[in-house]
Amino acid sequence: MALRESKQSLQDLQKRLAQRLLAAQTDNSQAAQWLAIQVGKVHYLIPLAEAGEIYPWQDVQAVPYAQPWFLGVANVRGSLLGVIDLAALLGHAVERTQQSLRDTSLLVINPALQVNATLVVDKLLGLRNADHLQMTANTENQRRCFQDAQGQIWQELSLQALVQSVAFLHVSQ
């Protein structure tokens, strides 16, 4: 019973986030500019304009001779999408099992970026407003970093830059 309730609450959260994401994309006030996610143990901010719909994990058909981060393809609302393990693509050591994948979400890349793909996201953390974030020094990589009022560090993750990167474009081994 607890598993069913947990799954239902996750689905409710995903529906609420999807509704807020859609509202934020159509709202001219630009109250929220970021979708906050967790990949592995790292927190990222994705520009709302680059994010698409959010779905619970579903079965994926594996593709032979693909990079380890390319999990395969899935039928998402009638569209065949490549499923990218974002943690593996970004170099985060996350052990994936069928059980652990059931706790993840699929974030579809906005169709405007012209890539038929979805990203495996460990946790959806809601929407963030740029006014509530301070840019901070970044010593680990070339991404812009922000800090929120609670001291949490967030890295900006541009999906547009990601889908144009050499690593992303070379799916085959």
C-alpha atoms as a PDB file:
ATOM      1  CA  MET A   1       0.000   0.000   0.000  1.00  0.00           C
ATOM      2  CA  ALA A   2       2.839   2.441   0.820  1.00  0.00           C
ATOM      3  CA  LEU A   3       4.406   1.869  -2.621  1.00  0.00           C
ATOM      4  CA  ARG A   4       1.106   2.644  -4.329  1.00  0.00           C
ATOM      5  CA  GLU A   5       0.677   5.835  -2.253  1.00  0.00           C
ATOM      6  CA  SER A   6       4.285   6.838  -2.963  1.00  0.00           C
ATOM      7  CA  LYS A   7       3.792   6.300  -6.694  1.00  0.00           C
ATOM      8  CA  GLN A   8       0.534   8.273  -6.620  1.00  0.00           C
ATOM      9  CA  SER A   9       2.154  11.183  -4.764  1.00  0.00           C
ATOM     10  CA  LEU A  10       5.017  11.191  -7.306  1.00  0.00           C
ATOM     11  CA  GLN A  11       2.505  11.256 -10.135  1.00  0.00           C
ATOM     12  CA  ASP A  12       0.616  14.090  -8.435  1.00  0.00           C
ATOM     13  CA  LEU A  13       3.872  16.059  -8.050  1.00  0.00           C
ATOM     14  CA  GLN A  14       4.731  15.482 -11.692  1.00  0.00           C
ATOM     15  CA  LYS A  15       1.279  16.659 -12.796  1.00  0.00           C
ATOM     16  CA  ARG A  16       1.529  19.787 -10.649  1.00  0.00           C
ATOM     17  CA  LEU A  17       5.029  20.547 -11.965  1.00  0.00           C
ATOM     18  CA  ALA A  18       3.906  19.994 -15.548  1.00  0.00           C
ATOM     19  CA  GLN A  19       0.946  22.349 -15.030  1.00  0.00           C
ATOM     20  CA  ARG A  20       3.161  24.998 -13.417  1.00  0.00           C
ATOM     21  CA  LEU A  21       5.753  24.547 -16.171  1.00  0.00           C
ATOM     22  CA  LEU A  22       3.111  25.096 -18.847  1.00  0.00           C
ATOM     23  CA  ALA A  23       1.680  28.093 -16.986  1.00  0.00           C
ATOM     24  CA  ALA A  24       5.142  29.605 -16.532  1.00  0.00           C
ATOM     25  CA  GLN A  25       5.943  29.187 -20.228  1.00  0.00           C
ATOM     26  CA  THR A  26       2.755  30.999 -21.246  1.00  0.00           C
ATOM     27  CA  ASP A  27       2.879  33.643 -18.494  1.00  0.00           C
ATOM     28  CA  ASN A  28       4.393  36.926 -19.632  1.00  0.00           C
ATOM     29  CA  SER A  29       5.438  37.893 -16.104  1.00  0.00           C
ATOM     30  CA  GLN A  30       8.326  35.414 -16.200  1.00  0.00           C
ATOM     31  CA  ALA A  31       7.930  34.675 -12.490  1.00  0.00           C
ATOM     32  CA  ALA A  32       9.798  31.381 -12.757  1.00  0.00           C
ATOM     33  CA  GLN A  33      12.637  31.033 -15.233  1.00  0.00           C
ATOM     34  CA  TRP A  34      14.129  27.710 -14.173  1.00  0.00           C
ATOM     35  CA  LEU A  35      13.142  24.090 -13.697  1.00  0.00           C
ATOM     36  CA  ALA A  36      15.130  22.752 -10.742  1.00  0.00           C
ATOM     37  CA  ILE A  37      16.269  19.131 -10.933  1.00  0.00           C
ATOM     38  CA  GLN A  38      18.672  16.783  -9.228  1.00  0.00           C
ATOM     39  CA  VAL A  39      20.901  14.489 -11.259  1.00  0.00           C
ATOM     40  CA  GLY A  40      22.914  12.150  -9.116  1.00  0.00           C
ATOM     41  CA  LYS A  41      23.813  14.400  -6.181  1.00  0.00           C
ATOM     42  CA  VAL A  42      24.141  17.576  -8.249  1.00  0.00           C
ATOM     43  CA  HIS A  43      21.461  20.267  -8.460  1.00  0.00           C
ATOM     44  CA  TYR A  44      20.772  21.859 -11.837  1.00  0.00           C
ATOM     45  CA  LEU A  45      18.659  24.685 -13.185  1.00  0.00           C
ATOM     46  CA  ILE A  46      17.259  24.209 -16.678  1.00  0.00           C
ATOM     47  CA  PRO A  47      15.825  27.190 -18.556  1.00  0.00           C
ATOM     48  CA  LEU A  48      12.062  26.691 -18.759  1.00  0.00           C
ATOM     49  CA  ALA A  49      12.044  27.521 -22.452  1.00  0.00           C
ATOM     50  CA  GLU A  50      14.237  24.460 -23.090  1.00  0.00           C
ATOM     51  CA  ALA A  51      12.233  22.004 -20.979  1.00  0.00           C
ATOM     52  CA  GLY A  52       9.257  20.049 -22.206  1.00  0.00           C
ATOM     53  CA  GLU A  53       6.754  17.791 -20.524  1.00  0.00           C
ATOM     54  CA  ILE A  54       7.532  15.570 -17.554  1.00  0.00           C
ATOM     55  CA  TYR A  55       6.547  11.903 -17.319  1.00  0.00           C
ATOM     56  CA  PRO A  56       7.096   9.078 -14.869  1.00  0.00           C
ATOM     57  CA  TRP A  57       9.642   6.427 -15.825  1.00  0.00           C
ATOM     58  CA  GLN A  58       8.436   3.889 -18.356  1.00  0.00           C
ATOM     59  CA  ASP A  59       9.919   0.857 -20.011  1.00  0.00           C
ATOM     60  CA  VAL A  60      12.640   1.544 -22.550  1.00  0.00           C
ATOM     61  CA  GLN A  61      13.611  -0.569 -25.532  1.00  0.00           C
ATOM     62  CA  ALA A  62      17.385  -0.939 -25.525  1.00  0.00           C
ATOM     63  CA  VAL A  63      19.376  -0.070 -28.646  1.00  0.00           C
ATOM     64  CA  PRO A  64      22.471  -2.141 -29.459  1.00  0.00           C
ATOM     65  CA  TYR A  65      25.883  -0.515 -29.929  1.00  0.00           C
ATOM     66  CA  ALA A  66      24.868   2.719 -28.217  1.00  0.00           C
ATOM     67  CA  GLN A  67      26.784   4.701 -25.630  1.00  0.00           C
ATOM     68  CA  PRO A  68      26.104   3.560 -22.040  1.00  0.00           C
ATOM     69  CA  TRP A  69      24.245   6.822 -21.347  1.00  0.00           C
ATOM     70  CA  PHE A  70      21.815   6.167 -24.209  1.00  0.00           C
ATOM     71  CA  LEU A  71      19.361   3.818 -22.525  1.00  0.00           C
ATOM     72  CA  GLY A  72      17.245   3.221 -25.634  1.00  0.00           C
ATOM     73  CA  VAL A  73      13.940   4.477 -26.979  1.00  0.00           C
ATOM     74  CA  ALA A  74      10.504   4.879 -25.433  1.00  0.00           C
ATOM     75  CA  ASN A  75       7.054   5.620 -26.774  1.00  0.00           C
ATOM     76  CA  VAL A  76       5.976   8.786 -24.949  1.00  0.00           C
ATOM     77  CA  ARG A  77       2.445   9.851 -25.856  1.00  0.00           C
ATOM     78  CA  GLY A  78       2.804   8.435 -29.350  1.00  0.00           C
ATOM     79  CA  SER A  79       6.277   9.872 -30.014  1.00  0.00           C
ATOM     80  CA  LEU A  80       9.357   7.698 -30.197  1.00  0.00           C
ATOM     81  CA  LEU A  81      12.027   9.406 -28.068  1.00  0.00           C
ATOM     82  CA  GLY A  82      15.621   8.575 -27.266  1.00  0.00           C
ATOM     83  CA  VAL A  83      16.119   8.093 -23.523  1.00  0.00           C
ATOM     84  CA  ILE A  84      19.277   9.719 -22.168  1.00  0.00           C
ATOM     85  CA  ASP A  85      20.641   8.935 -18.703  1.00  0.00           C
ATOM     86  CA  LEU A  86      21.614  12.507 -17.890  1.00  0.00           C
ATOM     87  CA  ALA A  87      23.717  11.435 -14.902  1.00  0.00           C
ATOM     88  CA  ALA A  88      25.854   9.135 -17.045  1.00  0.00           C
ATOM     89  CA  LEU A  89      26.128  11.674 -19.873  1.00  0.00           C
ATOM     90  CA  LEU A  90      27.318  14.367 -17.446  1.00  0.00           C
ATOM     91  CA  GLY A  91      29.793  11.987 -15.781  1.00  0.00           C
ATOM     92  CA  HIS A  92      28.027  11.495 -12.445  1.00  0.00           C
ATOM     93  CA  ALA A  93      28.531   8.064 -10.931  1.00  0.00           C
ATOM     94  CA  VAL A  94      24.998   6.790 -10.375  1.00  0.00           C
ATOM     95  CA  GLU A  95      24.222   3.102 -10.233  1.00  0.00           C
ATOM     96  CA  ARG A  96      21.089   2.379 -12.243  1.00  0.00           C
ATOM     97  CA  THR A  97      18.877  -0.621 -11.596  1.00  0.00           C
ATOM     98  CA  GLN A  98      15.368  -1.307 -12.849  1.00  0.00           C
ATOM     99  CA  GLN A  99      14.124  -0.507  -9.347  1.00  0.00           C
ATOM    100  CA  SER A 100      16.024   2.784  -9.065  1.00  0.00           C
ATOM    101  CA  LEU A 101      14.861   3.855 -12.537  1.00  0.00           C
ATOM    102  CA  ARG A 102      11.244   3.515 -11.390  1.00  0.00           C
ATOM    103  CA  ASP A 103      11.894   6.397  -8.989  1.00  0.00           C
ATOM    104  CA  THR A 104      13.133   8.707 -11.762  1.00  0.00           C
ATOM    105  CA  SER A 105      11.261  10.987 -14.134  1.00  0.00           C
ATOM    106  CA  LEU A 106      11.557  11.611 -17.844  1.00  0.00           C
ATOM    107  CA  LEU A 107      12.002  15.238 -18.863  1.00  0.00           C
ATOM    108  CA  VAL A 108      11.256  15.694 -22.543  1.00  0.00           C
ATOM    109  CA  ILE A 109      13.533  18.170 -24.303  1.00  0.00           C
ATOM    110  CA  ASN A 110      11.468  21.016 -25.728  1.00  0.00           C
ATOM    111  CA  PRO A 111      10.508  20.147 -29.334  1.00  0.00           C
ATOM    112  CA  ALA A 112      11.708  23.630 -30.388  1.00  0.00           C
ATOM    113  CA  LEU A 113      15.268  22.296 -29.944  1.00  0.00           C
ATOM    114  CA  GLN A 114      14.485  19.735 -32.676  1.00  0.00           C
ATOM    115  CA  VAL A 115      15.714  16.700 -30.774  1.00  0.00           C
ATOM    116  CA  ASN A 116      13.435  13.749 -30.110  1.00  0.00           C
ATOM    117  CA  ALA A 117      14.817  12.868 -26.713  1.00  0.00           C
ATOM    118  CA  THR A 118      13.960  12.699 -23.058  1.00  0.00           C
ATOM    119  CA  LEU A 119      16.303  12.923 -20.075  1.00  0.00           C
ATOM    120  CA  VAL A 120      16.303  10.689 -17.023  1.00  0.00           C
ATOM    121  CA  VAL A 121      16.106  12.986 -13.993  1.00  0.00           C
ATOM    122  CA  ASP A 122      16.599  11.642 -10.473  1.00  0.00           C
ATOM    123  CA  LYS A 123      14.456  14.255  -8.734  1.00  0.00           C
ATOM    124  CA  LEU A 124      12.212  17.090  -9.799  1.00  0.00           C
ATOM    125  CA  LEU A 125      12.673  19.965  -7.361  1.00  0.00           C
ATOM    126  CA  GLY A 126      10.165  22.475  -8.711  1.00  0.00           C
ATOM    127  CA  LEU A 127      10.432  25.866 -10.343  1.00  0.00           C
ATOM    128  CA  ARG A 128      12.834  28.639  -9.377  1.00  0.00           C
ATOM    129  CA  ASN A 129      12.747  32.372  -9.877  1.00  0.00           C
ATOM    130  CA  ALA A 130      15.992  34.059 -10.942  1.00  0.00           C
ATOM    131  CA  ASP A 131      15.275  36.896  -8.513  1.00  0.00           C
ATOM    132  CA  HIS A 132      15.776  34.463  -5.622  1.00  0.00           C
ATOM    133  CA  LEU A 133      19.211  33.292  -6.796  1.00  0.00           C
ATOM    134  CA  GLN A 134      22.646  34.882  -6.525  1.00  0.00           C
ATOM    135  CA  MET A 135      25.370  34.131  -9.041  1.00  0.00           C
ATOM    136  CA  THR A 136      28.325  32.521  -7.286  1.00  0.00           C
ATOM    137  CA  ALA A 137      31.915  31.601  -8.116  1.00  0.00           C
ATOM    138  CA  ASN A 138      32.402  28.352  -9.959  1.00  0.00           C
ATOM    139  CA  THR A 139      35.648  26.444  -9.555  1.00  0.00           C
ATOM    140  CA  GLU A 140      34.582  23.003 -10.813  1.00  0.00           C
ATOM    141  CA  ASN A 141      33.418  23.522 -14.390  1.00  0.00           C
ATOM    142  CA  GLN A 142      32.452  26.137 -16.956  1.00  0.00           C
ATOM    143  CA  ARG A 143      28.746  26.272 -16.054  1.00  0.00           C
ATOM    144  CA  ARG A 144      27.241  29.318 -14.389  1.00  0.00           C
ATOM    145  CA  CYS A 145      26.410  28.635 -10.761  1.00  0.00           C
ATOM    146  CA  PHE A 146      23.839  30.166  -8.464  1.00  0.00           C
ATOM    147  CA  GLN A 147      23.151  29.998  -4.754  1.00  0.00           C
ATOM    148  CA  ASP A 148      19.696  30.170  -3.209  1.00  0.00           C
ATOM    149  CA  ALA A 149      18.675  31.603   0.173  1.00  0.00           C
ATOM    150  CA  GLN A 150      19.178  28.197   1.823  1.00  0.00           C
ATOM    151  CA  GLY A 151      22.790  28.016   0.599  1.00  0.00           C
ATOM    152  CA  GLN A 152      22.130  25.357  -2.050  1.00  0.00           C
ATOM    153  CA  ILE A 153      24.421  25.620  -5.078  1.00  0.00           C
ATOM    154  CA  TRP A 154      22.752  25.209  -8.477  1.00  0.00           C
ATOM    155  CA  GLN A 155      24.488  24.733 -11.818  1.00  0.00           C
ATOM    156  CA  GLU A 156      22.896  26.064 -14.973  1.00  0.00           C
ATOM    157  CA  LEU A 157      22.320  23.340 -17.556  1.00  0.00           C
ATOM    158  CA  SER A 158      21.493  24.595 -21.024  1.00  0.00           C
ATOM    159  CA  LEU A 159      19.703  21.848 -22.930  1.00  0.00           C
ATOM    160  CA  GLN A 160      20.342  23.736 -26.156  1.00  0.00           C
ATOM    161  CA  ALA A 161      24.102  23.559 -25.554  1.00  0.00           C
ATOM    162  CA  LEU A 162      23.800  19.944 -24.387  1.00  0.00           C
ATOM    163  CA  VAL A 163      22.044  18.713 -27.549  1.00  0.00           C
ATOM    164  CA  GLN A 164      24.652  20.453 -29.703  1.00  0.00           C
ATOM    165  CA  SER A 165      27.615  18.977 -27.815  1.00  0.00           C
ATOM    166  CA  VAL A 166      29.891  16.439 -29.461  1.00  0.00           C
ATOM    167  CA  ALA A 167      29.229  13.874 -26.710  1.00  0.00           C
ATOM    168  CA  PHE A 168      25.452  14.088 -27.147  1.00  0.00           C
ATOM    169  CA  LEU A 169      25.644  13.825 -30.933  1.00  0.00           C
ATOM    170  CA  HIS A 170      27.697  10.607 -30.872  1.00  0.00           C
ATOM    171  CA  VAL A 171      25.216   8.047 -29.612  1.00  0.00           C
ATOM    172  CA  SER A 172      26.893   5.035 -31.192  1.00  0.00           C
ATOM    173  CA  GLN A 173      29.918   3.418 -29.576  1.00  0.00           C
END
